[in-house]
Amino acid sequence: MFFDRSAQRWRVLVHQYSLSVKQHLVGGAAVSLTPELLGPWELQNHSSPAYTIWVNDTNGALETMSRRERPKLLLGEDGAPEVLYTAVCPANPKGDGLCYSHAQRIGKKDSSSGVI
């Protein structure tokens, strides 16, 4: 949760489960409709998730994760989000459970990130 100074609104990034996308885990976001922390709040629609199960690796290849959850944000000096951290589990037919933390820069919209 953080206060968006430019919009004068509170924002929160959450882990959300969607049956509409075949039970994949996706990132949700909510924004306060006033500068007050206690609301009212509006939840972002599933059709435009804050993040998806698809991530780009360092070579630019797109990888599908079986799970992506536990979102955390690194805020810059100006208070704006700069990096999204999530726990990811690659889709692995062996089921060896090799999950890890994934860091993704925020600032441009691409196939693995949405607007937070």
N, C-alpha and C. Protein backbone atom coordinates (compact mmCIF):
# COMPACT_ATOMS: atom_id res chain seq x y z
N MET A 1 0.85 -1.17 0.00
CA MET A 1 0.00 0.00 0.00
C MET A 1 0.90 1.23 0.00
N PHE A 2 0.52 2.21 -0.80
CA PHE A 2 1.30 3.44 -0.83
C PHE A 2 0.40 4.60 -1.24
N PHE A 3 0.84 5.80 -0.93
CA PHE A 3 0.11 7.00 -1.30
C PHE A 3 0.69 7.54 -2.60
N ASP A 4 -0.13 7.61 -3.63
CA ASP A 4 0.27 8.14 -4.94
C ASP A 4 0.17 9.66 -4.86
N ARG A 5 1.31 10.31 -4.73
CA ARG A 5 1.33 11.77 -4.56
C ARG A 5 0.75 12.51 -5.75
N SER A 6 1.05 12.03 -6.96
CA SER A 6 0.59 12.75 -8.15
C SER A 6 -0.93 12.68 -8.29
N ALA A 7 -1.54 11.56 -7.94
CA ALA A 7 -3.00 11.41 -8.05
C ALA A 7 -3.71 11.77 -6.75
N GLN A 8 -2.95 11.92 -5.66
CA GLN A 8 -3.52 12.19 -4.34
C GLN A 8 -4.52 11.11 -3.95
N ARG A 9 -4.11 9.85 -4.16
CA ARG A 9 -4.93 8.68 -3.84
C ARG A 9 -4.06 7.59 -3.24
N TRP A 10 -4.67 6.75 -2.39
CA TRP A 10 -4.00 5.56 -1.89
C TRP A 10 -4.14 4.46 -2.92
N ARG A 11 -3.11 3.63 -3.04
CA ARG A 11 -3.14 2.48 -3.94
C ARG A 11 -2.66 1.25 -3.17
N VAL A 12 -3.23 0.12 -3.51
CA VAL A 12 -2.81 -1.14 -2.89
C VAL A 12 -2.70 -2.20 -3.97
N LEU A 13 -1.66 -3.01 -3.88
CA LEU A 13 -1.44 -4.12 -4.79
C LEU A 13 -1.72 -5.39 -4.00
N VAL A 14 -2.53 -6.29 -4.56
CA VAL A 14 -2.94 -7.49 -3.83
C VAL A 14 -2.80 -8.73 -4.70
N HIS A 15 -2.70 -9.84 -4.05
CA HIS A 15 -2.73 -11.15 -4.68
C HIS A 15 -4.21 -11.49 -4.84
N GLN A 16 -4.62 -11.86 -6.04
CA GLN A 16 -6.04 -12.14 -6.25
C GLN A 16 -6.20 -13.38 -7.11
N TYR A 17 -7.21 -14.14 -6.84
CA TYR A 17 -7.46 -15.40 -7.52
C TYR A 17 -8.64 -15.21 -8.45
N SER A 18 -8.51 -15.68 -9.67
CA SER A 18 -9.57 -15.47 -10.64
C SER A 18 -9.99 -16.78 -11.29
N LEU A 19 -11.22 -17.18 -11.08
CA LEU A 19 -11.74 -18.36 -11.76
C LEU A 19 -11.95 -18.08 -13.24
N SER A 20 -12.09 -16.81 -13.60
CA SER A 20 -12.35 -16.46 -15.00
C SER A 20 -11.15 -16.66 -15.90
N VAL A 21 -9.96 -16.79 -15.33
CA VAL A 21 -8.77 -17.05 -16.14
C VAL A 21 -8.23 -18.45 -15.85
N LYS A 22 -9.12 -19.40 -15.76
CA LYS A 22 -8.79 -20.82 -15.56
C LYS A 22 -7.94 -21.05 -14.31
N GLN A 23 -8.29 -20.38 -13.24
CA GLN A 23 -7.70 -20.54 -11.92
C GLN A 23 -6.25 -20.07 -11.82
N HIS A 24 -5.77 -19.28 -12.78
CA HIS A 24 -4.44 -18.70 -12.64
C HIS A 24 -4.48 -17.58 -11.61
N LEU A 25 -3.40 -17.40 -10.94
CA LEU A 25 -3.30 -16.32 -9.98
C LEU A 25 -2.86 -15.06 -10.70
N VAL A 26 -3.50 -13.96 -10.40
CA VAL A 26 -3.17 -12.69 -11.04
C VAL A 26 -3.10 -11.60 -9.97
N GLY A 27 -2.49 -10.48 -10.32
CA GLY A 27 -2.37 -9.38 -9.38
C GLY A 27 -3.54 -8.44 -9.49
N GLY A 28 -4.04 -8.06 -8.35
CA GLY A 28 -5.12 -7.09 -8.30
C GLY A 28 -4.63 -5.78 -7.74
N ALA A 29 -5.37 -4.74 -8.00
CA ALA A 29 -5.03 -3.42 -7.48
C ALA A 29 -6.32 -2.73 -7.09
N ALA A 30 -6.20 -1.86 -6.12
CA ALA A 30 -7.34 -1.04 -5.71
C ALA A 30 -6.82 0.38 -5.47
N VAL A 31 -7.70 1.33 -5.64
CA VAL A 31 -7.35 2.74 -5.44
C VAL A 31 -8.44 3.40 -4.61
N SER A 32 -8.04 4.27 -3.71
CA SER A 32 -9.03 5.03 -2.94
C SER A 32 -9.62 6.09 -3.86
N LEU A 33 -10.88 6.38 -3.68
CA LEU A 33 -11.54 7.37 -4.54
C LEU A 33 -11.41 8.78 -3.99
N THR A 34 -10.84 8.90 -2.81
CA THR A 34 -10.53 10.20 -2.19
C THR A 34 -9.14 10.08 -1.57
N PRO A 35 -8.55 11.16 -1.11
CA PRO A 35 -7.25 11.07 -0.44
C PRO A 35 -7.31 10.39 0.93
N GLU A 36 -8.48 10.03 1.38
CA GLU A 36 -8.65 9.42 2.70
C GLU A 36 -8.35 7.92 2.65
N LEU A 37 -7.58 7.42 3.60
CA LEU A 37 -7.21 6.01 3.65
C LEU A 37 -8.42 5.09 3.83
N LEU A 38 -9.41 5.54 4.55
CA LEU A 38 -10.56 4.67 4.85
C LEU A 38 -11.60 4.63 3.74
N GLY A 39 -11.27 5.18 2.59
CA GLY A 39 -12.13 4.97 1.44
C GLY A 39 -13.07 6.11 1.14
N PRO A 40 -13.95 5.84 0.22
CA PRO A 40 -14.26 4.58 -0.45
C PRO A 40 -13.15 4.14 -1.41
N TRP A 41 -13.16 2.82 -1.75
CA TRP A 41 -12.16 2.21 -2.60
C TRP A 41 -12.80 1.59 -3.84
N GLU A 42 -11.99 1.46 -4.90
CA GLU A 42 -12.45 0.79 -6.12
C GLU A 42 -11.43 -0.29 -6.48
N LEU A 43 -11.92 -1.51 -6.70
CA LEU A 43 -11.07 -2.64 -7.09
C LEU A 43 -10.93 -2.68 -8.60
N GLN A 44 -9.71 -2.86 -9.08
CA GLN A 44 -9.45 -2.96 -10.52
C GLN A 44 -10.09 -4.24 -11.06
N ASN A 45 -10.59 -4.21 -12.28
CA ASN A 45 -11.24 -5.34 -12.92
C ASN A 45 -10.22 -6.42 -13.31
N HIS A 46 -10.64 -7.70 -13.27
CA HIS A 46 -9.78 -8.82 -13.68
C HIS A 46 -9.32 -8.71 -15.13
N SER A 47 -10.06 -8.01 -15.97
CA SER A 47 -9.70 -7.94 -17.38
C SER A 47 -8.43 -7.13 -17.62
N SER A 48 -7.99 -6.37 -16.63
CA SER A 48 -6.72 -5.64 -16.74
C SER A 48 -5.94 -5.81 -15.43
N PRO A 49 -5.38 -7.02 -15.21
CA PRO A 49 -4.68 -7.29 -13.94
C PRO A 49 -3.41 -6.46 -13.80
N ALA A 50 -3.02 -6.22 -12.56
CA ALA A 50 -1.80 -5.46 -12.28
C ALA A 50 -0.57 -6.23 -12.73
N TYR A 51 -0.61 -7.55 -12.65
CA TYR A 51 0.43 -8.41 -13.20
C TYR A 51 -0.21 -9.75 -13.54
N THR A 52 0.46 -10.52 -14.38
CA THR A 52 -0.09 -11.79 -14.85
C THR A 52 0.85 -12.94 -14.49
N ILE A 53 0.58 -14.12 -15.00
CA ILE A 53 1.44 -15.28 -14.77
C ILE A 53 2.57 -15.36 -15.78
N TRP A 54 2.64 -14.40 -16.70
CA TRP A 54 3.69 -14.40 -17.72
C TRP A 54 4.77 -13.38 -17.35
N VAL A 55 6.02 -13.82 -17.37
CA VAL A 55 7.15 -12.93 -17.07
C VAL A 55 8.21 -13.07 -18.15
N ASN A 56 8.93 -12.01 -18.40
CA ASN A 56 10.06 -12.04 -19.33
C ASN A 56 11.33 -12.36 -18.56
N ASP A 57 12.15 -13.26 -19.09
CA ASP A 57 13.43 -13.52 -18.45
C ASP A 57 14.46 -12.50 -18.94
N THR A 58 15.69 -12.61 -18.47
CA THR A 58 16.70 -11.60 -18.81
C THR A 58 17.05 -11.61 -20.30
N ASN A 59 16.75 -12.69 -21.01
CA ASN A 59 17.00 -12.76 -22.45
C ASN A 59 15.80 -12.27 -23.26
N GLY A 60 14.73 -11.88 -22.58
CA GLY A 60 13.54 -11.39 -23.26
C GLY A 60 12.52 -12.45 -23.60
N ALA A 61 12.81 -13.73 -23.30
CA ALA A 61 11.85 -14.80 -23.56
C ALA A 61 10.71 -14.74 -22.55
N LEU A 62 9.52 -15.07 -23.01
CA LEU A 62 8.33 -15.05 -22.16
C LEU A 62 8.16 -16.43 -21.52
N GLU A 63 8.05 -16.46 -20.19
CA GLU A 63 7.88 -17.70 -19.46
C GLU A 63 6.55 -17.69 -18.72
N THR A 64 5.84 -18.80 -18.78
CA THR A 64 4.56 -18.94 -18.08
C THR A 64 4.81 -19.56 -16.72
N MET A 65 4.30 -18.93 -15.69
CA MET A 65 4.43 -19.44 -14.33
C MET A 65 3.15 -20.18 -13.93
N SER A 66 3.30 -21.20 -13.11
CA SER A 66 2.09 -21.86 -12.60
C SER A 66 1.52 -21.06 -11.44
N ARG A 67 2.37 -20.30 -10.76
CA ARG A 67 1.93 -19.44 -9.66
C ARG A 67 2.75 -18.16 -9.68
N ARG A 68 2.09 -17.07 -9.31
CA ARG A 68 2.78 -15.79 -9.11
C ARG A 68 2.00 -15.06 -8.04
N GLU A 69 2.64 -14.79 -6.92
CA GLU A 69 1.93 -14.25 -5.77
C GLU A 69 2.84 -13.45 -4.85
N ARG A 70 2.30 -13.01 -3.74
CA ARG A 70 3.00 -12.23 -2.70
C ARG A 70 3.66 -10.97 -3.24
N PRO A 71 2.89 -10.08 -3.87
CA PRO A 71 3.46 -8.87 -4.46
C PRO A 71 4.01 -7.90 -3.40
N LYS A 72 5.14 -7.33 -3.72
CA LYS A 72 5.76 -6.27 -2.91
C LYS A 72 6.27 -5.21 -3.88
N LEU A 73 6.27 -3.97 -3.45
CA LEU A 73 6.74 -2.87 -4.29
C LEU A 73 7.93 -2.19 -3.65
N LEU A 74 8.90 -1.83 -4.47
CA LEU A 74 10.00 -0.96 -4.06
C LEU A 74 9.66 0.42 -4.58
N LEU A 75 9.56 1.39 -3.67
CA LEU A 75 9.22 2.76 -4.05
C LEU A 75 10.48 3.58 -4.20
N GLY A 76 10.48 4.48 -5.18
CA GLY A 76 11.60 5.38 -5.40
C GLY A 76 11.57 6.56 -4.44
N GLU A 77 12.53 7.43 -4.56
CA GLU A 77 12.61 8.61 -3.69
C GLU A 77 11.37 9.49 -3.80
N ASP A 78 10.75 9.49 -4.97
CA ASP A 78 9.55 10.31 -5.17
C ASP A 78 8.28 9.62 -4.69
N GLY A 79 8.41 8.39 -4.15
CA GLY A 79 7.26 7.66 -3.64
C GLY A 79 6.54 6.82 -4.67
N ALA A 80 6.99 6.84 -5.92
CA ALA A 80 6.36 6.05 -6.99
C ALA A 80 6.98 4.65 -7.05
N PRO A 81 6.19 3.64 -7.38
CA PRO A 81 6.72 2.27 -7.50
C PRO A 81 7.77 2.18 -8.61
N GLU A 82 8.87 1.48 -8.32
CA GLU A 82 9.93 1.28 -9.31
C GLU A 82 10.14 -0.18 -9.65
N VAL A 83 9.96 -1.07 -8.66
CA VAL A 83 10.18 -2.49 -8.88
C VAL A 83 9.06 -3.28 -8.23
N LEU A 84 8.56 -4.29 -8.96
CA LEU A 84 7.58 -5.24 -8.44
C LEU A 84 8.30 -6.53 -8.12
N TYR A 85 8.18 -6.99 -6.88
CA TYR A 85 8.73 -8.29 -6.47
C TYR A 85 7.56 -9.24 -6.28
N THR A 86 7.69 -10.45 -6.84
CA THR A 86 6.68 -11.48 -6.63
C THR A 86 7.37 -12.83 -6.42
N ALA A 87 6.68 -13.73 -5.76
CA ALA A 87 7.12 -15.12 -5.68
C ALA A 87 6.56 -15.82 -6.90
N VAL A 88 7.38 -16.56 -7.63
CA VAL A 88 6.93 -17.26 -8.83
C VAL A 88 7.32 -18.73 -8.76
N CYS A 89 6.47 -19.55 -9.37
CA CYS A 89 6.73 -20.98 -9.52
C CYS A 89 6.56 -21.31 -11.00
N PRO A 90 7.65 -21.68 -11.68
CA PRO A 90 7.53 -22.00 -13.10
C PRO A 90 6.61 -23.19 -13.32
N ALA A 91 5.95 -23.20 -14.49
CA ALA A 91 5.14 -24.34 -14.88
C ALA A 91 6.11 -25.48 -15.17
N ASN A 92 6.11 -26.49 -14.33
CA ASN A 92 7.09 -27.56 -14.41
C ASN A 92 6.37 -28.90 -14.36
N PRO A 93 6.43 -29.68 -15.44
CA PRO A 93 5.74 -30.97 -15.44
C PRO A 93 6.27 -31.95 -14.39
N LYS A 94 7.52 -31.78 -13.95
CA LYS A 94 8.08 -32.66 -12.93
C LYS A 94 7.53 -32.35 -11.55
N GLY A 95 7.03 -31.11 -11.37
CA GLY A 95 6.47 -30.72 -10.09
C GLY A 95 7.50 -30.66 -8.98
N ASP A 96 8.73 -30.22 -9.30
CA ASP A 96 9.79 -30.20 -8.29
C ASP A 96 9.70 -29.02 -7.33
N GLY A 97 8.75 -28.10 -7.54
CA GLY A 97 8.51 -27.02 -6.60
C GLY A 97 9.62 -25.99 -6.50
N LEU A 98 10.38 -25.78 -7.56
CA LEU A 98 11.47 -24.81 -7.53
C LEU A 98 10.91 -23.40 -7.76
N CYS A 99 10.47 -22.79 -6.69
CA CYS A 99 9.92 -21.43 -6.74
C CYS A 99 11.01 -20.46 -6.31
N TYR A 100 10.86 -19.20 -6.72
CA TYR A 100 11.87 -18.20 -6.40
C TYR A 100 11.25 -16.81 -6.41
N SER A 101 12.02 -15.83 -5.98
CA SER A 101 11.57 -14.43 -6.02
C SER A 101 11.93 -13.84 -7.36
N HIS A 102 11.04 -13.04 -7.90
CA HIS A 102 11.23 -12.42 -9.22
C HIS A 102 11.11 -10.91 -9.06
N ALA A 103 12.03 -10.16 -9.65
CA ALA A 103 11.99 -8.69 -9.62
C ALA A 103 11.73 -8.19 -11.03
N GLN A 104 10.85 -7.21 -11.13
CA GLN A 104 10.48 -6.65 -12.44
C GLN A 104 10.39 -5.14 -12.33
N ARG A 105 11.13 -4.44 -13.16
CA ARG A 105 11.06 -2.98 -13.18
C ARG A 105 9.69 -2.53 -13.64
N ILE A 106 9.23 -1.43 -13.08
CA ILE A 106 7.94 -0.85 -13.43
C ILE A 106 8.21 0.47 -14.15
N GLY A 107 7.39 0.79 -15.11
CA GLY A 107 7.57 2.07 -15.78
C GLY A 107 7.12 2.03 -17.21
N LYS A 108 7.10 0.85 -17.80
CA LYS A 108 6.57 0.72 -19.15
C LYS A 108 5.68 -0.51 -19.18
N LYS A 109 4.67 -0.45 -20.00
CA LYS A 109 3.75 -1.56 -20.11
C LYS A 109 4.31 -2.54 -21.14
N ASP A 110 4.42 -3.82 -20.72
CA ASP A 110 4.83 -4.86 -21.65
C ASP A 110 3.97 -6.09 -21.42
N SER A 111 4.33 -7.21 -22.00
CA SER A 111 3.48 -8.40 -21.92
C SER A 111 3.44 -9.01 -20.54
N SER A 112 4.34 -8.64 -19.65
CA SER A 112 4.36 -9.27 -18.33
C SER A 112 3.95 -8.31 -17.22
N SER A 113 3.61 -7.11 -17.54
CA SER A 113 3.22 -6.19 -16.48
C SER A 113 2.04 -5.33 -16.93
N GLY A 114 1.35 -4.86 -15.96
CA GLY A 114 0.24 -3.95 -16.23
C GLY A 114 0.51 -2.62 -15.58
N VAL A 115 -0.42 -1.76 -15.60
CA VAL A 115 -0.26 -0.45 -14.97
C VAL A 115 -0.68 -0.59 -13.52
N ILE A 116 0.20 -0.23 -12.64
CA ILE A 116 -0.10 -0.32 -11.21
C ILE A 116 -0.53 1.04 -10.71
